[in-house]
């Protein structure tokens, strides 16, 4: 029986390649579902933490700060 929560991705990878072999069925359903950090949630949390610490940024101020150059 397939366990989609198995932390080892090898079995899910093999299942995903079954339909490439003639005579094998096409797997349908959840092949892998593990609890792991989500990139989008981590980035959102980092953004909230920096905004709380440093305040909301000002793009115009950033562009006018430091060394700049003009392309002609």
PDB file of N, CA and C in Angstrom:
ATOM      1  N   UNK A   1       0.844  -1.170   0.000  1.00  0.00           N
ATOM      2  CA  UNK A   1       0.000   0.000   0.000  1.00  0.00           C
ATOM      3  C   UNK A   1       0.895   1.241   0.000  1.00  0.00           C
ATOM      4  N   UNK A   2       0.535   2.216  -0.793  1.00  0.00           N
ATOM      5  CA  UNK A   2       1.313   3.453  -0.932  1.00  0.00           C
ATOM      6  C   UNK A   2       1.080   4.371   0.265  1.00  0.00           C
ATOM      7  N   UNK A   3       2.170   4.917   0.816  1.00  0.00           N
ATOM      8  CA  UNK A   3       2.090   5.871   1.915  1.00  0.00           C
ATOM      9  C   UNK A   3       2.607   7.212   1.415  1.00  0.00           C
ATOM     10  N   UNK A   4       1.694   8.128   1.105  1.00  0.00           N
ATOM     11  CA  UNK A   4       2.086   9.431   0.553  1.00  0.00           C
ATOM     12  C   UNK A   4       2.806  10.311   1.573  1.00  0.00           C
ATOM     13  N   UNK A   5       2.770   9.947   2.838  1.00  0.00           N
ATOM     14  CA  UNK A   5       3.440  10.735   3.884  1.00  0.00           C
ATOM     15  C   UNK A   5       4.855  10.239   4.203  1.00  0.00           C
ATOM     16  N   UNK A   6       5.338   9.241   3.472  1.00  0.00           N
ATOM     17  CA  UNK A   6       6.687   8.733   3.668  1.00  0.00           C
ATOM     18  C   UNK A   6       7.682   9.861   3.369  1.00  0.00           C
ATOM     19  N   UNK A   7       8.590  10.184   4.299  1.00  0.00           N
ATOM     20  CA  UNK A   7       9.519  11.289   4.062  1.00  0.00           C
ATOM     21  C   UNK A   7      10.548  11.012   2.961  1.00  0.00           C
ATOM     22  N   UNK A   8      10.756   9.762   2.616  1.00  0.00           N
ATOM     23  CA  UNK A   8      11.686   9.408   1.543  1.00  0.00           C
ATOM     24  C   UNK A   8      10.980   9.592   0.194  1.00  0.00           C
ATOM     25  N   UNK A   9      11.497  10.456  -0.683  1.00  0.00           N
ATOM     26  CA  UNK A   9      10.804  10.741  -1.941  1.00  0.00           C
ATOM     27  C   UNK A   9      10.993   9.687  -3.031  1.00  0.00           C
ATOM     28  N   UNK A  10      11.809   8.678  -2.797  1.00  0.00           N
ATOM     29  CA  UNK A  10      12.138   7.715  -3.840  1.00  0.00           C
ATOM     30  C   UNK A  10      10.913   6.976  -4.367  1.00  0.00           C
ATOM     31  N   UNK A  11      10.081   6.487  -3.473  1.00  0.00           N
ATOM     32  CA  UNK A  11       8.910   5.705  -3.888  1.00  0.00           C
ATOM     33  C   UNK A  11       7.944   6.563  -4.708  1.00  0.00           C
ATOM     34  N   UNK A  12       7.705   7.787  -4.279  1.00  0.00           N
ATOM     35  CA  UNK A  12       6.809   8.676  -5.022  1.00  0.00           C
ATOM     36  C   UNK A  12       7.392   8.984  -6.397  1.00  0.00           C
ATOM     37  N   UNK A  13       8.704   9.160  -6.476  1.00  0.00           N
ATOM     38  CA  UNK A  13       9.352   9.410  -7.766  1.00  0.00           C
ATOM     39  C   UNK A  13       9.159   8.227  -8.706  1.00  0.00           C
ATOM     40  N   UNK A  14       9.364   7.026  -8.188  1.00  0.00           N
ATOM     41  CA  UNK A  14       9.169   5.833  -9.020  1.00  0.00           C
ATOM     42  C   UNK A  14       7.732   5.732  -9.516  1.00  0.00           C
ATOM     43  N   UNK A  15       6.782   6.013  -8.646  1.00  0.00           N
ATOM     44  CA  UNK A  15       5.378   5.985  -9.068  1.00  0.00           C
ATOM     45  C   UNK A  15       5.109   7.000 -10.175  1.00  0.00           C
ATOM     46  N   UNK A  16       5.724   8.172 -10.062  1.00  0.00           N
ATOM     47  CA  UNK A  16       5.478   9.221 -11.056  1.00  0.00           C
ATOM     48  C   UNK A  16       6.023   8.862 -12.428  1.00  0.00           C
ATOM     49  N   UNK A  17       6.935   7.912 -12.501  1.00  0.00           N
ATOM     50  CA  UNK A  17       7.538   7.510 -13.776  1.00  0.00           C
ATOM     51  C   UNK A  17       6.935   6.209 -14.343  1.00  0.00           C
ATOM     52  N   UNK A  18       5.932   5.661 -13.682  1.00  0.00           N
ATOM     53  CA  UNK A  18       5.365   4.379 -14.122  1.00  0.00           C
ATOM     54  C   UNK A  18       4.806   4.420 -15.530  1.00  0.00           C
ATOM     55  N   UNK A  19       4.140   5.501 -15.903  1.00  0.00           N
ATOM     56  CA  UNK A  19       3.483   5.534 -17.209  1.00  0.00           C
ATOM     57  C   UNK A  19       4.480   5.637 -18.365  1.00  0.00           C
ATOM     58  N   UNK A  20       5.755   5.846 -18.079  1.00  0.00           N
ATOM     59  CA  UNK A  20       6.777   5.871 -19.130  1.00  0.00           C
ATOM     60  C   UNK A  20       7.129   4.471 -19.607  1.00  0.00           C
ATOM     61  N   UNK A  21       6.761   3.474 -18.821  1.00  0.00           N
ATOM     62  CA  UNK A  21       7.031   2.081 -19.175  1.00  0.00           C
ATOM     63  C   UNK A  21       5.786   1.478 -19.821  1.00  0.00           C
ATOM     64  N   UNK A  22       5.907   0.932 -21.034  1.00  0.00           N
ATOM     65  CA  UNK A  22       4.746   0.339 -21.701  1.00  0.00           C
ATOM     66  C   UNK A  22       4.095  -0.749 -20.846  1.00  0.00           C
ATOM     67  N   UNK A  23       2.781  -0.708 -20.766  1.00  0.00           N
ATOM     68  CA  UNK A  23       2.033  -1.706 -20.023  1.00  0.00           C
ATOM     69  C   UNK A  23       1.767  -1.335 -18.580  1.00  0.00           C
ATOM     70  N   UNK A  24       2.420  -0.291 -18.075  1.00  0.00           N
ATOM     71  CA  UNK A  24       2.204   0.138 -16.703  1.00  0.00           C
ATOM     72  C   UNK A  24       1.110   1.203 -16.666  1.00  0.00           C
ATOM     73  N   UNK A  25       0.359   1.264 -15.583  1.00  0.00           N
ATOM     74  CA  UNK A  25      -0.723   2.250 -15.485  1.00  0.00           C
ATOM     75  C   UNK A  25      -0.185   3.662 -15.213  1.00  0.00           C
ATOM     76  N   UNK A  26      -1.049   4.642 -15.439  1.00  0.00           N
ATOM     77  CA  UNK A  26      -0.731   6.029 -15.103  1.00  0.00           C
ATOM     78  C   UNK A  26      -1.177   6.279 -13.672  1.00  0.00           C
ATOM     79  N   UNK A  27      -0.264   6.641 -12.786  1.00  0.00           N
ATOM     80  CA  UNK A  27      -0.654   6.894 -11.396  1.00  0.00           C
ATOM     81  C   UNK A  27      -1.460   8.188 -11.296  1.00  0.00           C
ATOM     82  N   UNK A  28      -2.518   8.131 -10.515  1.00  0.00           N
ATOM     83  CA  UNK A  28      -3.393   9.290 -10.318  1.00  0.00           C
ATOM     84  C   UNK A  28      -3.613   9.446  -8.822  1.00  0.00           C
ATOM     85  N   UNK A  29      -3.538  10.669  -8.350  1.00  0.00           N
ATOM     86  CA  UNK A  29      -3.782  10.922  -6.934  1.00  0.00           C
ATOM     87  C   UNK A  29      -2.591  11.600  -6.290  1.00  0.00           C
ATOM     88  N   UNK A  30      -2.564  11.585  -4.985  1.00  0.00           N
ATOM     89  CA  UNK A  30      -1.484  12.207  -4.226  1.00  0.00           C
ATOM     90  C   UNK A  30      -0.331  11.224  -4.139  1.00  0.00           C
ATOM     91  N   UNK A  31       0.803  11.602  -4.716  1.00  0.00           N
ATOM     92  CA  UNK A  31       1.974  10.732  -4.681  1.00  0.00           C
ATOM     93  C   UNK A  31       2.866  11.037  -3.490  1.00  0.00           C
ATOM     94  N   UNK A  32       2.897  12.303  -3.075  1.00  0.00           N
ATOM     95  CA  UNK A  32       3.748  12.682  -1.949  1.00  0.00           C
ATOM     96  C   UNK A  32       3.134  13.865  -1.227  1.00  0.00           C
ATOM     97  N   UNK A  33       2.976  13.728   0.084  1.00  0.00           N
ATOM     98  CA  UNK A  33       2.426  14.796   0.922  1.00  0.00           C
ATOM     99  C   UNK A  33       3.128  14.753   2.267  1.00  0.00           C
ATOM    100  N   UNK A  34       4.163  15.557   2.420  1.00  0.00           N
ATOM    101  CA  UNK A  34       4.905  15.593   3.676  1.00  0.00           C
ATOM    102  C   UNK A  34       4.780  16.971   4.302  1.00  0.00           C
ATOM    103  N   UNK A  35       4.851  17.003   5.617  1.00  0.00           N
ATOM    104  CA  UNK A  35       4.841  18.278   6.326  1.00  0.00           C
ATOM    105  C   UNK A  35       6.248  18.864   6.262  1.00  0.00           C
ATOM    106  N   UNK A  36       6.373  19.960   5.554  1.00  0.00           N
ATOM    107  CA  UNK A  36       7.667  20.625   5.397  1.00  0.00           C
ATOM    108  C   UNK A  36       7.418  22.113   5.292  1.00  0.00           C
ATOM    109  N   UNK A  37       8.431  22.912   5.580  1.00  0.00           N
ATOM    110  CA  UNK A  37       8.249  24.357   5.452  1.00  0.00           C
ATOM    111  C   UNK A  37       7.845  24.731   4.028  1.00  0.00           C
ATOM    112  N   UNK A  38       6.937  25.668   3.922  1.00  0.00           N
ATOM    113  CA  UNK A  38       6.452  26.133   2.628  1.00  0.00           C
ATOM    114  C   UNK A  38       7.184  27.436   2.290  1.00  0.00           C
ATOM    115  N   UNK A  39       7.766  27.511   1.112  1.00  0.00           N
ATOM    116  CA  UNK A  39       8.546  28.676   0.699  1.00  0.00           C
ATOM    117  C   UNK A  39       7.751  29.967   0.826  1.00  0.00           C
ATOM    118  N   UNK A  40       6.528  29.972   0.326  1.00  0.00           N
ATOM    119  CA  UNK A  40       5.719  31.191   0.343  1.00  0.00           C
ATOM    120  C   UNK A  40       5.431  31.666   1.767  1.00  0.00           C
ATOM    121  N   UNK A  41       5.125  30.723   2.663  1.00  0.00           N
ATOM    122  CA  UNK A  41       4.862  31.104   4.052  1.00  0.00           C
ATOM    123  C   UNK A  41       6.117  31.633   4.734  1.00  0.00           C
ATOM    124  N   UNK A  42       7.252  31.009   4.470  1.00  0.00           N
ATOM    125  CA  UNK A  42       8.514  31.442   5.072  1.00  0.00           C
ATOM    126  C   UNK A  42       8.886  32.852   4.604  1.00  0.00           C
ATOM    127  N   UNK A  43       8.734  33.124   3.307  1.00  0.00           N
ATOM    128  CA  UNK A  43       9.041  34.458   2.780  1.00  0.00           C
ATOM    129  C   UNK A  43       8.095  35.491   3.371  1.00  0.00           C
ATOM    130  N   UNK A  44       6.814  35.167   3.464  1.00  0.00           N
ATOM    131  CA  UNK A  44       5.839  36.103   4.038  1.00  0.00           C
ATOM    132  C   UNK A  44       6.184  36.405   5.490  1.00  0.00           C
ATOM    133  N   UNK A  45       6.597  35.399   6.245  1.00  0.00           N
ATOM    134  CA  UNK A  45       6.967  35.609   7.648  1.00  0.00           C
ATOM    135  C   UNK A  45       8.217  36.472   7.764  1.00  0.00           C
ATOM    136  N   UNK A  46       9.202  36.227   6.928  1.00  0.00           N
ATOM    137  CA  UNK A  46      10.410  37.042   6.932  1.00  0.00           C
ATOM    138  C   UNK A  46      10.087  38.496   6.592  1.00  0.00           C
ATOM    139  N   UNK A  47       9.221  38.702   5.618  1.00  0.00           N
ATOM    140  CA  UNK A  47       8.824  40.055   5.221  1.00  0.00           C
ATOM    141  C   UNK A  47       8.113  40.759   6.368  1.00  0.00           C
ATOM    142  N   UNK A  48       7.205  40.057   7.052  1.00  0.00           N
ATOM    143  CA  UNK A  48       6.500  40.646   8.198  1.00  0.00           C
ATOM    144  C   UNK A  48       7.479  41.018   9.312  1.00  0.00           C
ATOM    145  N   UNK A  49       8.444  40.147   9.586  1.00  0.00           N
ATOM    146  CA  UNK A  49       9.406  40.402  10.656  1.00  0.00           C
ATOM    147  C   UNK A  49      10.279  41.621  10.347  1.00  0.00           C
ATOM    148  N   UNK A  50      10.761  41.734   9.119  1.00  0.00           N
ATOM    149  CA  UNK A  50      11.608  42.874   8.749  1.00  0.00           C
ATOM    150  C   UNK A  50      10.795  44.160   8.741  1.00  0.00           C
ATOM    151  N   UNK A  51       9.560  44.104   8.241  1.00  0.00           N
ATOM    152  CA  UNK A  51       8.704  45.294   8.227  1.00  0.00           C
ATOM    153  C   UNK A  51       8.403  45.749   9.649  1.00  0.00           C
ATOM    154  N   UNK A  52       8.160  44.816  10.554  1.00  0.00           N
ATOM    155  CA  UNK A  52       7.897  45.174  11.949  1.00  0.00           C
ATOM    156  C   UNK A  52       9.136  45.796  12.594  1.00  0.00           C
ATOM    157  N   UNK A  53      10.316  45.327  12.214  1.00  0.00           N
ATOM    158  CA  UNK A  53      11.561  45.823  12.804  1.00  0.00           C
ATOM    159  C   UNK A  53      12.001  47.162  12.206  1.00  0.00           C
ATOM    160  N   UNK A  54      11.920  47.286  10.877  1.00  0.00           N
ATOM    161  CA  UNK A  54      12.471  48.465  10.202  1.00  0.00           C
ATOM    162  C   UNK A  54      11.418  49.410   9.639  1.00  0.00           C
ATOM    163  N   UNK A  55      10.163  49.003   9.659  1.00  0.00           N
ATOM    164  CA  UNK A  55       9.099  49.837   9.094  1.00  0.00           C
ATOM    165  C   UNK A  55       8.955  49.599   7.600  1.00  0.00           C
ATOM    166  N   UNK A  56       7.901  50.183   7.048  1.00  0.00           N
ATOM    167  CA  UNK A  56       7.621  50.011   5.626  1.00  0.00           C
ATOM    168  C   UNK A  56       8.661  50.778   4.816  1.00  0.00           C
ATOM    169  N   UNK A  57       9.166  50.176   3.784  1.00  0.00           N
ATOM    170  CA  UNK A  57      10.199  50.793   2.951  1.00  0.00           C
ATOM    171  C   UNK A  57       9.645  51.894   2.064  1.00  0.00           C
ATOM    172  N   UNK A  58      10.549  52.709   1.556  1.00  0.00           N
ATOM    173  CA  UNK A  58      10.202  53.805   0.655  1.00  0.00           C
ATOM    174  C   UNK A  58      11.063  53.653  -0.590  1.00  0.00           C
ATOM    175  N   UNK A  59      10.475  53.232  -1.698  1.00  0.00           N
ATOM    176  CA  UNK A  59      11.218  52.959  -2.913  1.00  0.00           C
ATOM    177  C   UNK A  59      11.882  54.219  -3.466  1.00  0.00           C
ATOM    178  N   UNK A  60      11.177  55.345  -3.472  1.00  0.00           N
ATOM    179  CA  UNK A  60      11.756  56.588  -3.987  1.00  0.00           C
ATOM    180  C   UNK A  60      12.992  56.983  -3.178  1.00  0.00           C
ATOM    181  N   UNK A  61      12.919  56.863  -1.880  1.00  0.00           N
ATOM    182  CA  UNK A  61      14.060  57.182  -1.019  1.00  0.00           C
ATOM    183  C   UNK A  61      15.223  56.233  -1.283  1.00  0.00           C
ATOM    184  N   UNK A  62      14.916  54.965  -1.472  1.00  0.00           N
ATOM    185  CA  UNK A  62      15.950  53.976  -1.760  1.00  0.00           C
ATOM    186  C   UNK A  62      16.656  54.285  -3.072  1.00  0.00           C
ATOM    187  N   UNK A  63      15.889  54.648  -4.099  1.00  0.00           N
ATOM    188  CA  UNK A  63      16.479  54.928  -5.403  1.00  0.00           C
ATOM    189  C   UNK A  63      17.344  56.183  -5.397  1.00  0.00           C
ATOM    190  N   UNK A  64      17.073  57.101  -4.499  1.00  0.00           N
ATOM    191  CA  UNK A  64      17.842  58.344  -4.432  1.00  0.00           C
ATOM    192  C   UNK A  64      18.980  58.284  -3.407  1.00  0.00           C
ATOM    193  N   UNK A  65      19.158  57.170  -2.767  1.00  0.00           N
ATOM    194  CA  UNK A  65      20.206  57.011  -1.753  1.00  0.00           C
ATOM    195  C   UNK A  65      21.450  56.394  -2.380  1.00  0.00           C
ATOM    196  N   UNK A  66      22.622  56.820  -1.931  1.00  0.00           N
ATOM    197  CA  UNK A  66      23.866  56.185  -2.350  1.00  0.00           C
ATOM    198  C   UNK A  66      24.247  56.480  -3.788  1.00  0.00           C
ATOM    199  N   UNK A  67      25.110  55.631  -4.313  1.00  0.00           N
ATOM    200  CA  UNK A  67      25.615  55.805  -5.675  1.00  0.00           C
ATOM    201  C   UNK A  67      24.557  55.415  -6.700  1.00  0.00           C
ATOM    202  N   UNK A  68      24.354  56.285  -7.666  1.00  0.00           N
ATOM    203  CA  UNK A  68      23.430  55.999  -8.758  1.00  0.00           C
ATOM    204  C   UNK A  68      24.082  56.418 -10.070  1.00  0.00           C
ATOM    205  N   UNK A  69      23.543  55.987 -11.170  1.00  0.00           N
ATOM    206  CA  UNK A  69      24.035  56.387 -12.464  1.00  0.00           C
ATOM    207  C   UNK A  69      22.859  56.504 -13.420  1.00  0.00           C
ATOM    208  N   UNK A  70      23.103  57.197 -14.509  1.00  0.00           N
ATOM    209  CA  UNK A  70      22.052  57.436 -15.494  1.00  0.00           C
ATOM    210  C   UNK A  70      22.474  56.791 -16.789  1.00  0.00           C
ATOM    211  N   UNK A  71      21.565  56.021 -17.407  1.00  0.00           N
ATOM    212  CA  UNK A  71      21.838  55.384 -18.692  1.00  0.00           C
ATOM    213  C   UNK A  71      21.264  56.269 -19.775  1.00  0.00           C
ATOM    214  N   UNK A  72      22.099  56.641 -20.735  1.00  0.00           N
ATOM    215  CA  UNK A  72      21.637  57.505 -21.844  1.00  0.00           C
ATOM    216  C   UNK A  72      21.768  56.786 -23.152  1.00  0.00           C
TER     217      UNK A  72
END
